[in-house]
Amino acid sequence: MSGILYVTGTPIGNLSDLSPRAAQTLESVDFIAAEDTRVTLKLLNHLGIKKPMVSYFEHNKRERGEIICQRIEQGENCAIVTDAGMPCISDPGEDLIRLCAERGIRTVVIPGPSAVITALAVSGLETGRFCFEGFLSVNKKSRGEHLQSLKNEKRTMIFYEAPHKLPATLRDLLAAFGDRKLSIVREITKVHEEVLRTTTAYAAEHYADGSIKGEIVLVLEGKKQEEETEAYTLEQAVALAKELAADGMRTTDAAKQAAAVTGYKKNEIYKELTT
């Protein structure tokens, strides 16, 4: 009889946030698939649990995913955990869930803390509708395309960010969205937890010096309904496409992106670009 994969949420900082059900699950399974076994070992030691572990992360997920599924199909129960928070959210665990679904393996979720929802709750911004955008790419072209695609997003947007990339990200957010409300939530549930409710303009000027440390979640205000849509001329649309192309984007993609921002047809812009 096949076993079960338990998708188990772990604390994002404060170990007291681990639920009794999660602790019971970690105690009862046959083995644990962990993003970093060293991090998970600290949690298990805190709980007084000894359990076999298998490392499962981005660079070994295909090989280990097969091994994990085979063990579950042979009757073992497994808990998958990430270093902090809910596994499978902006995390290689999503591949394991997909693999289990394809093979008919039962999955059970053990809910736990999530940095996305926790940061949104204390951001002071609208929570009724939101979208999670994960980490922005370090590649300039990909980052630009990502932010441009969100230019007219009306929902509150949530991003993860690393402290060493924060200065550039704050400048990019200001350039892409103008001055909007922004909450910088850092070190959630930890000793130095802090919520900076600010704006993109203020943050780009005062927080882009590299002084903000720790694990960071950015919560950005969406575009307001009452904001007037910018009126672009065709010349401005073509100029935008030229800028994107100059940054390395293919001409057709630059025309498509400029069309999405300005409202002009892609073919119109592409024609002007190539004549």
C-alpha atoms as a PDB file:
ATOM      1  CA  MET A   1       0.000   0.000   0.000  1.00  0.00           C
ATOM      2  CA  SER A   2       1.347   3.411  -0.989  1.00  0.00           C
ATOM      3  CA  GLY A   3       2.335   5.909   1.680  1.00  0.00           C
ATOM      4  CA  ILE A   4       1.564   9.618   1.937  1.00  0.00           C
ATOM      5  CA  LEU A   5       3.516  12.822   1.318  1.00  0.00           C
ATOM      6  CA  TYR A   6       2.851  15.353   4.084  1.00  0.00           C
ATOM      7  CA  VAL A   7       3.471  18.957   2.982  1.00  0.00           C
ATOM      8  CA  THR A   8       4.494  20.389   6.339  1.00  0.00           C
ATOM      9  CA  GLY A   9       4.793  24.062   7.226  1.00  0.00           C
ATOM     10  CA  THR A  10       7.639  25.045   9.563  1.00  0.00           C
ATOM     11  CA  PRO A  11       8.359  28.270  11.512  1.00  0.00           C
ATOM     12  CA  ILE A  12       9.707  31.282   9.616  1.00  0.00           C
ATOM     13  CA  GLY A  13      11.668  32.415  12.657  1.00  0.00           C
ATOM     14  CA  ASN A  14      10.125  31.727  16.043  1.00  0.00           C
ATOM     15  CA  LEU A  15      10.187  27.994  16.757  1.00  0.00           C
ATOM     16  CA  SER A  16       7.132  28.354  18.981  1.00  0.00           C
ATOM     17  CA  ASP A  17       5.058  28.897  15.843  1.00  0.00           C
ATOM     18  CA  LEU A  18       5.306  25.210  14.907  1.00  0.00           C
ATOM     19  CA  SER A  19       1.855  23.675  15.296  1.00  0.00           C
ATOM     20  CA  PRO A  20       1.260  20.574  17.457  1.00  0.00           C
ATOM     21  CA  ARG A  21      -0.015  18.798  14.337  1.00  0.00           C
ATOM     22  CA  ALA A  22       3.196  19.611  12.429  1.00  0.00           C
ATOM     23  CA  ALA A  23       5.297  18.310  15.322  1.00  0.00           C
ATOM     24  CA  GLN A  24       3.219  15.139  15.480  1.00  0.00           C
ATOM     25  CA  THR A  25       3.627  14.663  11.719  1.00  0.00           C
ATOM     26  CA  LEU A  26       7.410  15.031  11.857  1.00  0.00           C
ATOM     27  CA  GLU A  27       7.467  12.498  14.684  1.00  0.00           C
ATOM     28  CA  SER A  28       5.296   9.945  12.884  1.00  0.00           C
ATOM     29  CA  VAL A  29       6.632   9.887   9.293  1.00  0.00           C
ATOM     30  CA  ASP A  30       9.274   7.415   8.134  1.00  0.00           C
ATOM     31  CA  PHE A  31      11.570  10.082   6.675  1.00  0.00           C
ATOM     32  CA  ILE A  32      11.788  13.799   5.933  1.00  0.00           C
ATOM     33  CA  ALA A  33      12.659  15.513   2.647  1.00  0.00           C
ATOM     34  CA  ALA A  34      14.412  18.757   3.642  1.00  0.00           C
ATOM     35  CA  GLU A  35      15.700  21.727   1.668  1.00  0.00           C
ATOM     36  CA  ASP A  36      18.754  21.929   3.955  1.00  0.00           C
ATOM     37  CA  THR A  37      19.131  19.001   6.350  1.00  0.00           C
ATOM     38  CA  ARG A  38      21.323  21.100   8.669  1.00  0.00           C
ATOM     39  CA  VAL A  39      18.557  23.654   9.168  1.00  0.00           C
ATOM     40  CA  THR A  40      15.892  20.991   9.678  1.00  0.00           C
ATOM     41  CA  LEU A  41      18.146  19.145  12.135  1.00  0.00           C
ATOM     42  CA  LYS A  42      18.071  22.200  14.420  1.00  0.00           C
ATOM     43  CA  LEU A  43      14.265  22.080  14.411  1.00  0.00           C
ATOM     44  CA  LEU A  44      14.210  18.343  15.074  1.00  0.00           C
ATOM     45  CA  ASN A  45      16.713  18.716  17.926  1.00  0.00           C
ATOM     46  CA  HIS A  46      14.495  21.431  19.428  1.00  0.00           C
ATOM     47  CA  LEU A  47      11.588  18.968  19.317  1.00  0.00           C
ATOM     48  CA  GLY A  48      13.649  16.008  20.522  1.00  0.00           C
ATOM     49  CA  ILE A  49      12.918  14.088  17.315  1.00  0.00           C
ATOM     50  CA  LYS A  50      15.347  11.796  15.518  1.00  0.00           C
ATOM     51  CA  LYS A  51      14.349  11.014  11.958  1.00  0.00           C
ATOM     52  CA  PRO A  52      16.118   9.993   8.717  1.00  0.00           C
ATOM     53  CA  MET A  53      16.359  12.874   6.230  1.00  0.00           C
ATOM     54  CA  VAL A  54      16.853  13.204   2.483  1.00  0.00           C
ATOM     55  CA  SER A  55      18.126  16.489   1.041  1.00  0.00           C
ATOM     56  CA  TYR A  56      15.797  17.866  -1.621  1.00  0.00           C
ATOM     57  CA  PHE A  57      16.599  21.205  -3.231  1.00  0.00           C
ATOM     58  CA  GLU A  58      16.721  22.995  -6.583  1.00  0.00           C
ATOM     59  CA  HIS A  59      19.777  21.272  -8.012  1.00  0.00           C
ATOM     60  CA  ASN A  60      18.908  17.681  -7.117  1.00  0.00           C
ATOM     61  CA  LYS A  61      15.096  17.769  -7.255  1.00  0.00           C
ATOM     62  CA  ARG A  62      14.723  15.560 -10.351  1.00  0.00           C
ATOM     63  CA  GLU A  63      16.901  12.711  -9.085  1.00  0.00           C
ATOM     64  CA  ARG A  64      15.725  12.924  -5.470  1.00  0.00           C
ATOM     65  CA  GLY A  65      12.076  13.398  -6.485  1.00  0.00           C
ATOM     66  CA  GLU A  66      12.115   9.989  -8.155  1.00  0.00           C
ATOM     67  CA  ILE A  67      13.752   8.378  -5.119  1.00  0.00           C
ATOM     68  CA  ILE A  68      11.278   9.978  -2.706  1.00  0.00           C
ATOM     69  CA  CYS A  69       8.284   8.893  -4.796  1.00  0.00           C
ATOM     70  CA  GLN A  70       9.588   5.331  -5.057  1.00  0.00           C
ATOM     71  CA  ARG A  71       9.947   5.107  -1.289  1.00  0.00           C
ATOM     72  CA  ILE A  72       6.413   6.446  -0.767  1.00  0.00           C
ATOM     73  CA  GLU A  73       5.030   3.994  -3.341  1.00  0.00           C
ATOM     74  CA  GLN A  74       6.685   1.207  -1.343  1.00  0.00           C
ATOM     75  CA  GLY A  75       4.656   2.223   1.721  1.00  0.00           C
ATOM     76  CA  GLU A  76       6.757   4.824   3.540  1.00  0.00           C
ATOM     77  CA  ASN A  77       5.327   8.163   4.698  1.00  0.00           C
ATOM     78  CA  CYS A  78       7.342  11.308   4.020  1.00  0.00           C
ATOM     79  CA  ALA A  79       7.152  14.917   5.243  1.00  0.00           C
ATOM     80  CA  ILE A  80       8.534  17.576   2.936  1.00  0.00           C
ATOM     81  CA  VAL A  81       9.760  20.748   4.643  1.00  0.00           C
ATOM     82  CA  THR A  82      11.552  23.894   3.575  1.00  0.00           C
ATOM     83  CA  ASP A  83      14.028  25.876   5.676  1.00  0.00           C
ATOM     84  CA  ALA A  84      11.256  28.246   6.776  1.00  0.00           C
ATOM     85  CA  GLY A  85       7.541  28.537   6.060  1.00  0.00           C
ATOM     86  CA  MET A  86       5.336  26.552   3.716  1.00  0.00           C
ATOM     87  CA  PRO A  87       7.166  24.241   1.312  1.00  0.00           C
ATOM     88  CA  CYS A  88       6.273  24.327  -2.382  1.00  0.00           C
ATOM     89  CA  ILE A  89       5.650  28.110  -2.409  1.00  0.00           C
ATOM     90  CA  SER A  90       8.397  29.708  -4.519  1.00  0.00           C
ATOM     91  CA  ASP A  91      10.235  26.497  -3.683  1.00  0.00           C
ATOM     92  CA  PRO A  92      11.396  23.366  -5.566  1.00  0.00           C
ATOM     93  CA  GLY A  93       8.885  21.323  -3.564  1.00  0.00           C
ATOM     94  CA  GLU A  94       6.279  22.271  -6.152  1.00  0.00           C
ATOM     95  CA  ASP A  95       7.974  19.819  -8.526  1.00  0.00           C
ATOM     96  CA  LEU A  96       7.572  17.000  -6.001  1.00  0.00           C
ATOM     97  CA  ILE A  97       3.857  17.777  -5.634  1.00  0.00           C
ATOM     98  CA  ARG A  98       3.475  17.639  -9.418  1.00  0.00           C
ATOM     99  CA  LEU A  99       5.340  14.340  -9.570  1.00  0.00           C
ATOM    100  CA  CYS A 100       3.147  12.867  -6.827  1.00  0.00           C
ATOM    101  CA  ALA A 101       0.017  14.003  -8.671  1.00  0.00           C
ATOM    102  CA  GLU A 102       1.216  12.335 -11.871  1.00  0.00           C
ATOM    103  CA  ARG A 103       1.902   9.065 -10.020  1.00  0.00           C
ATOM    104  CA  GLY A 104      -1.303   9.077  -7.977  1.00  0.00           C
ATOM    105  CA  ILE A 105       0.485   9.526  -4.651  1.00  0.00           C
ATOM    106  CA  ARG A 106      -1.704  11.013  -1.931  1.00  0.00           C
ATOM    107  CA  THR A 107      -0.602  14.368  -0.516  1.00  0.00           C
ATOM    108  CA  VAL A 108      -1.788  15.881   2.761  1.00  0.00           C
ATOM    109  CA  VAL A 109      -1.038  19.483   3.747  1.00  0.00           C
ATOM    110  CA  ILE A 110      -0.106  20.441   7.306  1.00  0.00           C
ATOM    111  CA  PRO A 111      -0.575  24.254   7.258  1.00  0.00           C
ATOM    112  CA  GLY A 112       2.015  26.505   8.816  1.00  0.00           C
ATOM    113  CA  PRO A 113       3.446  30.026   8.790  1.00  0.00           C
ATOM    114  CA  SER A 114       3.882  31.834   5.471  1.00  0.00           C
ATOM    115  CA  ALA A 115       6.046  34.930   5.022  1.00  0.00           C
ATOM    116  CA  VAL A 116       3.822  36.047   2.128  1.00  0.00           C
ATOM    117  CA  ILE A 117       0.570  36.150   4.096  1.00  0.00           C
ATOM    118  CA  THR A 118       2.197  37.332   7.329  1.00  0.00           C
ATOM    119  CA  ALA A 119       3.858  40.301   5.621  1.00  0.00           C
ATOM    120  CA  LEU A 120       0.649  41.206   3.799  1.00  0.00           C
ATOM    121  CA  ALA A 121      -1.328  41.130   7.050  1.00  0.00           C
ATOM    122  CA  VAL A 122       0.918  43.726   8.732  1.00  0.00           C
ATOM    123  CA  SER A 123       1.650  45.828   5.654  1.00  0.00           C
ATOM    124  CA  GLY A 124      -1.207  48.262   6.120  1.00  0.00           C
ATOM    125  CA  LEU A 125      -2.082  47.891   2.433  1.00  0.00           C
ATOM    126  CA  GLU A 126      -5.201  46.386   0.849  1.00  0.00           C
ATOM    127  CA  THR A 127      -5.465  42.644   1.476  1.00  0.00           C
ATOM    128  CA  GLY A 128      -8.678  41.781  -0.398  1.00  0.00           C
ATOM    129  CA  ARG A 129      -6.839  41.033  -3.641  1.00  0.00           C
ATOM    130  CA  PHE A 130      -3.124  40.436  -4.007  1.00  0.00           C
ATOM    131  CA  CYS A 131      -0.558  38.616  -6.114  1.00  0.00           C
ATOM    132  CA  PHE A 132       2.704  36.984  -5.090  1.00  0.00           C
ATOM    133  CA  GLU A 133       5.562  37.637  -7.520  1.00  0.00           C
ATOM    134  CA  GLY A 134       8.401  35.795  -5.772  1.00  0.00           C
ATOM    135  CA  PHE A 135      11.985  36.970  -6.317  1.00  0.00           C
ATOM    136  CA  LEU A 136      12.805  39.391  -9.118  1.00  0.00           C
ATOM    137  CA  SER A 137      15.452  38.148 -11.517  1.00  0.00           C
ATOM    138  CA  VAL A 138      19.032  39.361 -11.171  1.00  0.00           C
ATOM    139  CA  ASN A 139      19.091  39.583 -14.980  1.00  0.00           C
ATOM    140  CA  LYS A 140      18.399  43.196 -15.955  1.00  0.00           C
ATOM    141  CA  LYS A 141      16.351  42.297 -19.027  1.00  0.00           C
ATOM    142  CA  SER A 142      14.186  39.717 -17.236  1.00  0.00           C
ATOM    143  CA  ARG A 143      13.693  42.013 -14.248  1.00  0.00           C
ATOM    144  CA  GLY A 144      12.596  44.857 -16.531  1.00  0.00           C
ATOM    145  CA  GLU A 145      10.136  42.635 -18.363  1.00  0.00           C
ATOM    146  CA  HIS A 146       8.706  41.368 -15.074  1.00  0.00           C
ATOM    147  CA  LEU A 147       8.143  44.845 -13.668  1.00  0.00           C
ATOM    148  CA  GLN A 148       6.740  46.193 -16.938  1.00  0.00           C
ATOM    149  CA  SER A 149       4.211  43.351 -16.991  1.00  0.00           C
ATOM    150  CA  LEU A 150       2.941  44.568 -13.598  1.00  0.00           C
ATOM    151  CA  LYS A 151       2.721  48.260 -14.480  1.00  0.00           C
ATOM    152  CA  ASN A 152      -1.096  48.251 -14.540  1.00  0.00           C
ATOM    153  CA  GLU A 153      -1.594  45.628 -11.811  1.00  0.00           C
ATOM    154  CA  LYS A 154      -4.367  46.810  -9.473  1.00  0.00           C
ATOM    155  CA  ARG A 155      -3.839  44.157  -6.811  1.00  0.00           C
ATOM    156  CA  THR A 156      -1.377  44.528  -3.940  1.00  0.00           C
ATOM    157  CA  MET A 157       1.918  42.949  -5.033  1.00  0.00           C
ATOM    158  CA  ILE A 158       4.252  40.922  -2.829  1.00  0.00           C
ATOM    159  CA  PHE A 159       7.917  40.237  -3.566  1.00  0.00           C
ATOM    160  CA  TYR A 160      10.701  38.390  -1.778  1.00  0.00           C
ATOM    161  CA  GLU A 161      14.086  40.110  -1.762  1.00  0.00           C
ATOM    162  CA  ALA A 162      17.602  39.538  -0.494  1.00  0.00           C
ATOM    163  CA  PRO A 163      19.271  42.410   1.417  1.00  0.00           C
ATOM    164  CA  HIS A 164      22.188  42.781  -1.017  1.00  0.00           C
ATOM    165  CA  LYS A 165      19.752  43.228  -3.921  1.00  0.00           C
ATOM    166  CA  LEU A 166      17.372  45.588  -2.094  1.00  0.00           C
ATOM    167  CA  PRO A 167      18.992  48.919  -3.121  1.00  0.00           C
ATOM    168  CA  ALA A 168      18.685  48.155  -6.845  1.00  0.00           C
ATOM    169  CA  THR A 169      15.177  46.777  -6.392  1.00  0.00           C
ATOM    170  CA  LEU A 170      13.942  49.898  -4.621  1.00  0.00           C
ATOM    171  CA  ARG A 171      15.258  52.069  -7.449  1.00  0.00           C
ATOM    172  CA  ASP A 172      13.676  49.771 -10.033  1.00  0.00           C
ATOM    173  CA  LEU A 173      10.290  49.825  -8.260  1.00  0.00           C
ATOM    174  CA  LEU A 174      10.294  53.619  -8.262  1.00  0.00           C
ATOM    175  CA  ALA A 175      11.239  53.738 -11.947  1.00  0.00           C
ATOM    176  CA  ALA A 176       8.599  51.193 -12.941  1.00  0.00           C
ATOM    177  CA  PHE A 177       5.650  52.270 -10.765  1.00  0.00           C
ATOM    178  CA  GLY A 178       6.297  55.860  -9.714  1.00  0.00           C
ATOM    179  CA  ASP A 179       5.631  56.905  -6.135  1.00  0.00           C
ATOM    180  CA  ARG A 180       3.388  54.335  -4.440  1.00  0.00           C
ATOM    181  CA  LYS A 181       2.905  53.015  -0.927  1.00  0.00           C
ATOM    182  CA  LEU A 182       5.406  50.330  -0.009  1.00  0.00           C
ATOM    183  CA  SER A 183       5.866  48.238   3.116  1.00  0.00           C
ATOM    184  CA  ILE A 184       9.255  46.667   3.787  1.00  0.00           C
ATOM    185  CA  VAL A 185       8.758  43.768   6.201  1.00  0.00           C
ATOM    186  CA  ARG A 186      11.954  42.214   7.531  1.00  0.00           C
ATOM    187  CA  GLU A 187      12.914  39.400   9.905  1.00  0.00           C
ATOM    188  CA  ILE A 188       9.298  38.284  10.447  1.00  0.00           C
ATOM    189  CA  THR A 189       8.732  36.631  13.874  1.00  0.00           C
ATOM    190  CA  LYS A 190      12.418  37.054  14.767  1.00  0.00           C
ATOM    191  CA  VAL A 191      14.073  39.260  17.396  1.00  0.00           C
ATOM    192  CA  HIS A 192      14.643  42.162  15.000  1.00  0.00           C
ATOM    193  CA  GLU A 193      11.248  42.036  13.271  1.00  0.00           C
ATOM    194  CA  GLU A 194      10.434  45.385  11.667  1.00  0.00           C
ATOM    195  CA  VAL A 195       7.736  46.850   9.413  1.00  0.00           C
ATOM    196  CA  LEU A 196       8.681  49.977   7.472  1.00  0.00           C
ATOM    197  CA  ARG A 197       5.531  51.531   6.007  1.00  0.00           C
ATOM    198  CA  THR A 198       6.851  53.975   3.456  1.00  0.00           C
ATOM    199  CA  THR A 199       6.683  54.880  -0.251  1.00  0.00           C
ATOM    200  CA  THR A 200       8.801  53.846  -3.219  1.00  0.00           C
ATOM    201  CA  ALA A 201      10.234  57.364  -3.554  1.00  0.00           C
ATOM    202  CA  TYR A 202      11.206  57.671   0.116  1.00  0.00           C
ATOM    203  CA  ALA A 203      12.572  54.121   0.231  1.00  0.00           C
ATOM    204  CA  ALA A 204      14.689  54.582  -2.902  1.00  0.00           C
ATOM    205  CA  GLU A 205      16.261  57.676  -1.336  1.00  0.00           C
ATOM    206  CA  HIS A 206      16.621  56.601   2.300  1.00  0.00           C
ATOM    207  CA  TYR A 207      16.795  52.786   2.350  1.00  0.00           C
ATOM    208  CA  ALA A 208      18.958  52.113  -0.708  1.00  0.00           C
ATOM    209  CA  ASP A 209      22.207  52.410   1.221  1.00  0.00           C
ATOM    210  CA  GLY A 210      22.443  48.712   2.044  1.00  0.00           C
ATOM    211  CA  SER A 211      21.683  49.206   5.736  1.00  0.00           C
ATOM    212  CA  ILE A 212      18.558  47.009   5.792  1.00  0.00           C
ATOM    213  CA  LYS A 213      19.515  43.435   6.637  1.00  0.00           C
ATOM    214  CA  GLY A 214      17.790  40.113   7.123  1.00  0.00           C
ATOM    215  CA  GLU A 215      15.082  38.294   5.194  1.00  0.00           C
ATOM    216  CA  ILE A 216      12.866  40.807   3.428  1.00  0.00           C
ATOM    217  CA  VAL A 217       9.344  40.848   2.010  1.00  0.00           C
ATOM    218  CA  LEU A 218       8.204  43.850  -0.053  1.00  0.00           C
ATOM    219  CA  VAL A 219       4.498  44.667  -0.201  1.00  0.00           C
ATOM    220  CA  LEU A 220       3.642  47.196  -2.924  1.00  0.00           C
ATOM    221  CA  GLU A 221       0.435  49.113  -3.485  1.00  0.00           C
ATOM    222  CA  GLY A 222      -1.394  48.284  -6.714  1.00  0.00           C
ATOM    223  CA  LYS A 223      -2.442  50.825  -9.313  1.00  0.00           C
ATOM    224  CA  LYS A 224      -5.424  52.834  -8.136  1.00  0.00           C
ATOM    225  CA  GLN A 225      -8.633  52.827 -10.186  1.00  0.00           C
ATOM    226  CA  GLU A 226      -8.784  56.606 -10.066  1.00  0.00           C
ATOM    227  CA  GLU A 227      -5.326  57.024 -11.557  1.00  0.00           C
ATOM    228  CA  GLU A 228      -5.536  58.447 -15.031  1.00  0.00           C
ATOM    229  CA  THR A 229      -4.089  56.269 -17.728  1.00  0.00           C
ATOM    230  CA  GLU A 230      -1.006  57.816 -19.246  1.00  0.00           C
ATOM    231  CA  ALA A 231      -1.564  59.100 -22.749  1.00  0.00           C
ATOM    232  CA  TYR A 232       1.313  57.990 -24.948  1.00  0.00           C
ATOM    233  CA  THR A 233       2.095  59.179 -28.429  1.00  0.00           C
ATOM    234  CA  LEU A 234       3.233  56.662 -31.008  1.00  0.00           C
ATOM    235  CA  GLU A 235       6.666  58.296 -30.903  1.00  0.00           C
ATOM    236  CA  GLN A 236       6.876  57.672 -27.151  1.00  0.00           C
ATOM    237  CA  ALA A 237       5.787  54.069 -27.633  1.00  0.00           C
ATOM    238  CA  VAL A 238       8.519  53.557 -30.228  1.00  0.00           C
ATOM    239  CA  ALA A 239      11.068  55.257 -27.968  1.00  0.00           C
ATOM    240  CA  LEU A 240      10.156  52.863 -25.147  1.00  0.00           C
ATOM    241  CA  ALA A 241      10.583  49.898 -27.478  1.00  0.00           C
ATOM    242  CA  LYS A 242      13.984  51.221 -28.552  1.00  0.00           C
ATOM    243  CA  GLU A 243      15.071  51.455 -24.910  1.00  0.00           C
ATOM    244  CA  LEU A 244      14.017  47.862 -24.287  1.00  0.00           C
ATOM    245  CA  ALA A 245      15.803  46.707 -27.434  1.00  0.00           C
ATOM    246  CA  ALA A 246      18.924  48.590 -26.408  1.00  0.00           C
ATOM    247  CA  ASP A 247      18.909  46.626 -23.134  1.00  0.00           C
ATOM    248  CA  GLY A 248      19.109  43.410 -25.128  1.00  0.00           C
ATOM    249  CA  MET A 249      15.466  42.518 -25.730  1.00  0.00           C
ATOM    250  CA  ARG A 250      14.555  41.126 -29.163  1.00  0.00           C
ATOM    251  CA  THR A 251      12.859  43.676 -31.436  1.00  0.00           C
ATOM    252  CA  THR A 252       9.592  41.728 -31.581  1.00  0.00           C
ATOM    253  CA  ASP A 253       9.514  41.332 -27.794  1.00  0.00           C
ATOM    254  CA  ALA A 254      10.351  45.019 -27.300  1.00  0.00           C
ATOM    255  CA  ALA A 255       7.459  46.002 -29.566  1.00  0.00           C
ATOM    256  CA  LYS A 256       5.122  43.633 -27.716  1.00  0.00           C
ATOM    257  CA  GLN A 257       6.155  44.995 -24.299  1.00  0.00           C
ATOM    258  CA  ALA A 258       5.832  48.609 -25.433  1.00  0.00           C
ATOM    259  CA  ALA A 259       2.385  47.819 -26.849  1.00  0.00           C
ATOM    260  CA  ALA A 260       1.271  46.391 -23.507  1.00  0.00           C
ATOM    261  CA  VAL A 261       2.382  49.551 -21.696  1.00  0.00           C
ATOM    262  CA  THR A 262       1.185  52.197 -24.159  1.00  0.00           C
ATOM    263  CA  GLY A 263      -1.905  50.675 -25.717  1.00  0.00           C
ATOM    264  CA  TYR A 264      -0.649  50.866 -29.298  1.00  0.00           C
ATOM    265  CA  LYS A 265      -0.669  47.822 -31.548  1.00  0.00           C
ATOM    266  CA  LYS A 266       2.492  45.754 -31.606  1.00  0.00           C
ATOM    267  CA  ASN A 267       2.615  45.825 -35.401  1.00  0.00           C
ATOM    268  CA  GLU A 268       2.461  49.634 -35.429  1.00  0.00           C
ATOM    269  CA  ILE A 269       5.416  49.911 -33.101  1.00  0.00           C
ATOM    270  CA  TYR A 270       7.382  47.147 -34.822  1.00  0.00           C
ATOM    271  CA  LYS A 271       6.918  48.830 -38.206  1.00  0.00           C
ATOM    272  CA  GLU A 272       8.326  52.111 -36.882  1.00  0.00           C
ATOM    273  CA  LEU A 273      11.226  50.272 -35.241  1.00  0.00           C
ATOM    274  CA  THR A 274      12.266  48.512 -38.435  1.00  0.00           C
ATOM    275  CA  THR A 275      11.836  51.311 -40.966  1.00  0.00           C
END
